[in-house]
């Protein structure tokens, strides 16, 4: 798709001139395998990520899975998102709610 085609598509969709950057906050409903993986990727991209599951045990497992994934990426040399660390006091980019 050429730049001209993209501009025309944006104008038709009513989104011309709008910022296409990633969202600042992402909410993920469900902390199972898929939800925790999505939360991990969103946090890795730098978005403030809210993970929700009505079952407290599932939420804790999903949150730990996402945090473990981020830690494994850091161990492989991929820096974690800014503001993230394993210490509970500085886990700002990935939060949970039930």
N, C-alpha and C. Protein backbone atom coordinates (compact mmCIF):
# COMPACT_ATOMS: atom_id res chain seq x y z
N UNK A 1 0.85 -1.17 0.00
CA UNK A 1 0.00 0.00 0.00
C UNK A 1 0.90 1.23 0.00
N UNK A 2 0.64 2.13 -0.91
CA UNK A 2 1.44 3.35 -0.98
C UNK A 2 0.97 4.35 0.07
N UNK A 3 1.80 5.34 0.32
CA UNK A 3 1.46 6.38 1.30
C UNK A 3 0.19 7.11 0.88
N UNK A 4 0.03 7.34 -0.43
CA UNK A 4 -1.16 8.03 -0.93
C UNK A 4 -2.42 7.20 -0.66
N UNK A 5 -2.33 5.88 -0.90
CA UNK A 5 -3.48 5.01 -0.63
C UNK A 5 -3.82 5.00 0.85
N UNK A 6 -2.78 4.99 1.69
CA UNK A 6 -3.01 4.98 3.14
C UNK A 6 -3.71 6.27 3.57
N UNK A 7 -3.27 7.42 3.05
CA UNK A 7 -3.89 8.69 3.40
C UNK A 7 -5.34 8.69 2.96
N UNK A 8 -5.61 8.19 1.74
CA UNK A 8 -6.99 8.15 1.26
C UNK A 8 -7.85 7.24 2.13
N UNK A 9 -7.31 6.07 2.53
CA UNK A 9 -8.05 5.17 3.41
C UNK A 9 -8.33 5.83 4.76
N UNK A 10 -7.34 6.54 5.29
CA UNK A 10 -7.52 7.25 6.56
C UNK A 10 -8.60 8.30 6.44
N UNK A 11 -8.62 9.03 5.34
CA UNK A 11 -9.64 10.06 5.14
C UNK A 11 -11.03 9.45 5.06
N UNK A 12 -11.14 8.31 4.34
CA UNK A 12 -12.43 7.64 4.22
C UNK A 12 -12.90 7.12 5.58
N UNK A 13 -11.97 6.64 6.40
CA UNK A 13 -12.33 6.09 7.71
C UNK A 13 -12.52 7.19 8.76
N UNK A 14 -12.19 8.41 8.41
CA UNK A 14 -12.32 9.51 9.36
C UNK A 14 -11.21 9.56 10.38
N UNK A 15 -10.06 8.94 10.06
CA UNK A 15 -8.94 8.91 11.01
C UNK A 15 -7.73 9.69 10.52
N UNK A 16 -7.89 10.48 9.48
CA UNK A 16 -6.76 11.24 8.94
C UNK A 16 -6.21 12.19 10.00
N UNK A 17 -4.90 12.20 10.13
CA UNK A 17 -4.23 13.11 11.06
C UNK A 17 -4.19 12.62 12.50
N UNK A 18 -4.78 11.46 12.79
CA UNK A 18 -4.76 10.95 14.16
C UNK A 18 -3.47 10.19 14.43
N UNK A 19 -3.03 10.23 15.66
CA UNK A 19 -1.82 9.54 16.08
C UNK A 19 -2.04 8.03 16.02
N UNK A 20 -1.09 7.30 15.40
CA UNK A 20 -1.19 5.85 15.26
C UNK A 20 -0.31 5.13 16.27
N UNK A 21 0.13 5.81 17.29
CA UNK A 21 1.01 5.17 18.27
C UNK A 21 0.22 4.17 19.12
N UNK A 22 0.95 3.31 19.80
CA UNK A 22 0.32 2.29 20.64
C UNK A 22 -0.44 2.94 21.79
N UNK A 23 -1.50 2.30 22.25
CA UNK A 23 -2.25 2.85 23.38
C UNK A 23 -1.41 2.88 24.65
N UNK A 24 -1.69 3.83 25.52
CA UNK A 24 -0.93 3.98 26.77
C UNK A 24 -1.38 2.97 27.82
N UNK A 25 -2.65 2.57 27.78
CA UNK A 25 -3.19 1.62 28.76
C UNK A 25 -3.94 0.53 28.02
N UNK A 26 -3.68 -0.72 28.40
CA UNK A 26 -4.37 -1.86 27.79
C UNK A 26 -4.97 -2.70 28.91
N UNK A 27 -6.23 -3.04 28.78
CA UNK A 27 -6.90 -3.92 29.73
C UNK A 27 -7.07 -5.30 29.11
N UNK A 28 -6.74 -6.34 29.85
CA UNK A 28 -6.88 -7.72 29.37
C UNK A 28 -7.85 -8.44 30.30
N UNK A 29 -8.93 -8.95 29.75
CA UNK A 29 -9.93 -9.68 30.53
C UNK A 29 -9.67 -11.17 30.41
N UNK A 30 -9.40 -11.80 31.53
CA UNK A 30 -9.09 -13.22 31.56
C UNK A 30 -7.59 -13.43 31.70
N UNK A 31 -7.18 -14.11 32.75
CA UNK A 31 -5.75 -14.28 33.04
C UNK A 31 -5.27 -15.68 32.76
N UNK A 32 -5.94 -16.38 31.84
CA UNK A 32 -5.49 -17.72 31.46
C UNK A 32 -4.24 -17.63 30.60
N UNK A 33 -3.95 -18.68 29.88
CA UNK A 33 -2.75 -18.73 29.05
C UNK A 33 -2.72 -17.59 28.04
N UNK A 34 -3.81 -17.41 27.32
CA UNK A 34 -3.85 -16.36 26.31
C UNK A 34 -3.81 -14.97 26.93
N UNK A 35 -4.62 -14.75 27.95
CA UNK A 35 -4.68 -13.43 28.59
C UNK A 35 -3.35 -13.02 29.20
N UNK A 36 -2.68 -13.95 29.89
CA UNK A 36 -1.40 -13.61 30.50
C UNK A 36 -0.34 -13.35 29.43
N UNK A 37 -0.43 -14.07 28.31
CA UNK A 37 0.51 -13.82 27.21
C UNK A 37 0.29 -12.47 26.57
N UNK A 38 -0.96 -12.10 26.38
CA UNK A 38 -1.28 -10.78 25.83
C UNK A 38 -0.82 -9.69 26.78
N UNK A 39 -1.05 -9.89 28.08
CA UNK A 39 -0.61 -8.91 29.08
C UNK A 39 0.90 -8.76 29.06
N UNK A 40 1.61 -9.88 28.92
CA UNK A 40 3.07 -9.83 28.86
C UNK A 40 3.53 -9.01 27.66
N UNK A 41 2.96 -9.27 26.49
CA UNK A 41 3.35 -8.54 25.29
C UNK A 41 3.01 -7.06 25.39
N UNK A 42 1.86 -6.75 25.96
CA UNK A 42 1.47 -5.34 26.11
C UNK A 42 2.43 -4.61 27.05
N UNK A 43 2.77 -5.25 28.16
CA UNK A 43 3.73 -4.65 29.09
C UNK A 43 5.09 -4.51 28.44
N UNK A 44 5.48 -5.50 27.66
CA UNK A 44 6.77 -5.46 26.95
C UNK A 44 6.81 -4.30 25.97
N UNK A 45 5.67 -3.98 25.38
CA UNK A 45 5.58 -2.87 24.43
C UNK A 45 5.59 -1.52 25.13
N UNK A 46 5.49 -1.52 26.46
CA UNK A 46 5.55 -0.28 27.21
C UNK A 46 4.22 0.28 27.65
N UNK A 47 3.13 -0.43 27.36
CA UNK A 47 1.80 0.03 27.78
C UNK A 47 1.57 -0.32 29.24
N UNK A 48 0.89 0.55 29.96
CA UNK A 48 0.43 0.19 31.30
C UNK A 48 -0.64 -0.87 31.09
N UNK A 49 -0.47 -2.02 31.71
CA UNK A 49 -1.30 -3.17 31.41
C UNK A 49 -2.08 -3.61 32.65
N UNK A 50 -3.39 -3.72 32.50
CA UNK A 50 -4.27 -4.14 33.58
C UNK A 50 -4.82 -5.51 33.24
N UNK A 51 -4.53 -6.50 34.08
CA UNK A 51 -4.99 -7.86 33.88
C UNK A 51 -6.12 -8.13 34.85
N UNK A 52 -7.26 -8.61 34.34
CA UNK A 52 -8.44 -8.84 35.19
C UNK A 52 -8.93 -10.27 35.02
N UNK A 53 -9.26 -10.89 36.13
CA UNK A 53 -9.93 -12.20 36.13
C UNK A 53 -10.78 -12.26 37.39
N UNK A 54 -12.03 -12.71 37.30
CA UNK A 54 -12.87 -12.77 38.49
C UNK A 54 -12.45 -13.85 39.49
N UNK A 55 -11.63 -14.79 39.06
CA UNK A 55 -11.15 -15.86 39.95
C UNK A 55 -9.77 -15.47 40.44
N UNK A 56 -9.66 -15.21 41.74
CA UNK A 56 -8.42 -14.69 42.32
C UNK A 56 -7.23 -15.61 42.06
N UNK A 57 -7.41 -16.91 42.17
CA UNK A 57 -6.30 -17.84 41.95
C UNK A 57 -5.82 -17.79 40.51
N UNK A 58 -6.76 -17.71 39.57
CA UNK A 58 -6.39 -17.61 38.15
C UNK A 58 -5.65 -16.31 37.88
N UNK A 59 -6.10 -15.25 38.52
CA UNK A 59 -5.44 -13.95 38.35
C UNK A 59 -4.00 -14.01 38.84
N UNK A 60 -3.78 -14.60 40.00
CA UNK A 60 -2.42 -14.69 40.54
C UNK A 60 -1.52 -15.53 39.63
N UNK A 61 -2.06 -16.67 39.14
CA UNK A 61 -1.27 -17.52 38.23
C UNK A 61 -0.93 -16.78 36.94
N UNK A 62 -1.92 -16.10 36.38
CA UNK A 62 -1.70 -15.36 35.13
C UNK A 62 -0.71 -14.22 35.30
N UNK A 63 -0.82 -13.51 36.41
CA UNK A 63 0.09 -12.40 36.68
C UNK A 63 1.51 -12.92 36.84
N UNK A 64 1.66 -14.01 37.58
CA UNK A 64 2.99 -14.59 37.77
C UNK A 64 3.55 -15.11 36.45
N UNK A 65 2.70 -15.69 35.62
CA UNK A 65 3.14 -16.18 34.31
C UNK A 65 3.66 -15.02 33.45
N UNK A 66 2.94 -13.92 33.42
CA UNK A 66 3.36 -12.76 32.63
C UNK A 66 4.67 -12.18 33.18
N UNK A 67 4.77 -12.07 34.49
CA UNK A 67 5.99 -11.53 35.10
C UNK A 67 7.18 -12.46 34.87
N UNK A 68 6.96 -13.76 34.97
CA UNK A 68 8.03 -14.72 34.70
C UNK A 68 8.50 -14.59 33.25
N UNK A 69 7.56 -14.43 32.34
CA UNK A 69 7.92 -14.26 30.93
C UNK A 69 8.77 -13.02 30.70
N UNK A 70 8.40 -11.92 31.36
CA UNK A 70 9.19 -10.70 31.24
C UNK A 70 10.59 -10.90 31.83
N UNK A 71 10.67 -11.62 32.93
CA UNK A 71 11.97 -11.88 33.55
C UNK A 71 12.83 -12.76 32.65
N UNK A 72 12.22 -13.75 31.99
CA UNK A 72 12.97 -14.62 31.07
C UNK A 72 13.49 -13.82 29.88
N UNK A 73 12.67 -12.90 29.36
CA UNK A 73 13.12 -12.05 28.27
C UNK A 73 14.31 -11.20 28.71
N UNK A 74 14.26 -10.67 29.92
CA UNK A 74 15.36 -9.85 30.43
C UNK A 74 16.62 -10.70 30.58
N UNK A 75 16.47 -11.97 31.01
CA UNK A 75 17.62 -12.85 31.16
C UNK A 75 18.27 -13.16 29.81
N UNK A 76 17.48 -13.11 28.74
CA UNK A 76 18.00 -13.35 27.40
C UNK A 76 18.60 -12.09 26.78
N UNK A 77 18.62 -11.02 27.55
CA UNK A 77 19.22 -9.78 27.05
C UNK A 77 18.23 -8.79 26.47
N UNK A 78 16.96 -9.10 26.53
CA UNK A 78 15.93 -8.16 26.07
C UNK A 78 15.51 -7.32 27.27
N UNK A 79 15.73 -6.04 27.22
CA UNK A 79 15.41 -5.23 28.40
C UNK A 79 13.91 -5.23 28.69
N UNK A 80 13.54 -5.27 29.97
CA UNK A 80 12.12 -5.22 30.33
C UNK A 80 11.57 -3.81 30.09
N UNK A 81 10.26 -3.65 30.14
CA UNK A 81 9.69 -2.32 29.97
C UNK A 81 10.19 -1.38 31.06
N UNK A 82 10.25 -0.10 30.73
CA UNK A 82 10.70 0.86 31.73
C UNK A 82 9.76 0.85 32.93
N UNK A 83 10.34 0.96 34.11
CA UNK A 83 9.54 0.98 35.33
C UNK A 83 9.19 -0.39 35.87
N UNK A 84 9.69 -1.47 35.24
CA UNK A 84 9.34 -2.82 35.68
C UNK A 84 10.52 -3.46 36.36
N UNK A 85 10.26 -4.19 37.41
CA UNK A 85 11.27 -5.04 38.04
C UNK A 85 10.56 -6.13 38.80
N UNK A 86 11.29 -7.09 39.34
CA UNK A 86 10.68 -8.20 40.07
C UNK A 86 10.20 -7.76 41.45
N UNK A 87 10.67 -6.62 41.95
CA UNK A 87 10.26 -6.20 43.29
C UNK A 87 8.81 -5.70 43.26
N UNK A 88 7.98 -6.10 44.24
CA UNK A 88 6.57 -5.73 44.24
C UNK A 88 6.35 -4.22 44.25
N UNK A 89 7.26 -3.46 44.82
CA UNK A 89 7.04 -2.02 44.92
C UNK A 89 7.20 -1.29 43.61
N UNK A 90 7.85 -1.89 42.61
CA UNK A 90 8.06 -1.17 41.36
C UNK A 90 7.43 -1.85 40.15
N UNK A 91 6.41 -2.67 40.36
CA UNK A 91 5.72 -3.33 39.24
C UNK A 91 4.64 -2.40 38.71
N UNK A 92 5.06 -1.37 38.04
CA UNK A 92 4.10 -0.35 37.61
C UNK A 92 3.44 -0.68 36.28
N UNK A 93 4.12 -1.39 35.38
CA UNK A 93 3.56 -1.57 34.04
C UNK A 93 2.58 -2.74 33.94
N UNK A 94 2.54 -3.62 34.94
CA UNK A 94 1.65 -4.78 34.89
C UNK A 94 0.92 -4.89 36.22
N UNK A 95 -0.41 -4.68 36.19
CA UNK A 95 -1.21 -4.71 37.42
C UNK A 95 -2.36 -5.69 37.28
N UNK A 96 -2.88 -6.10 38.42
CA UNK A 96 -3.96 -7.09 38.44
C UNK A 96 -5.20 -6.54 39.12
N UNK A 97 -6.35 -7.05 38.72
CA UNK A 97 -7.60 -6.73 39.43
C UNK A 97 -8.54 -7.92 39.32
N UNK A 98 -9.28 -8.17 40.39
CA UNK A 98 -10.24 -9.29 40.36
C UNK A 98 -11.62 -8.77 40.70
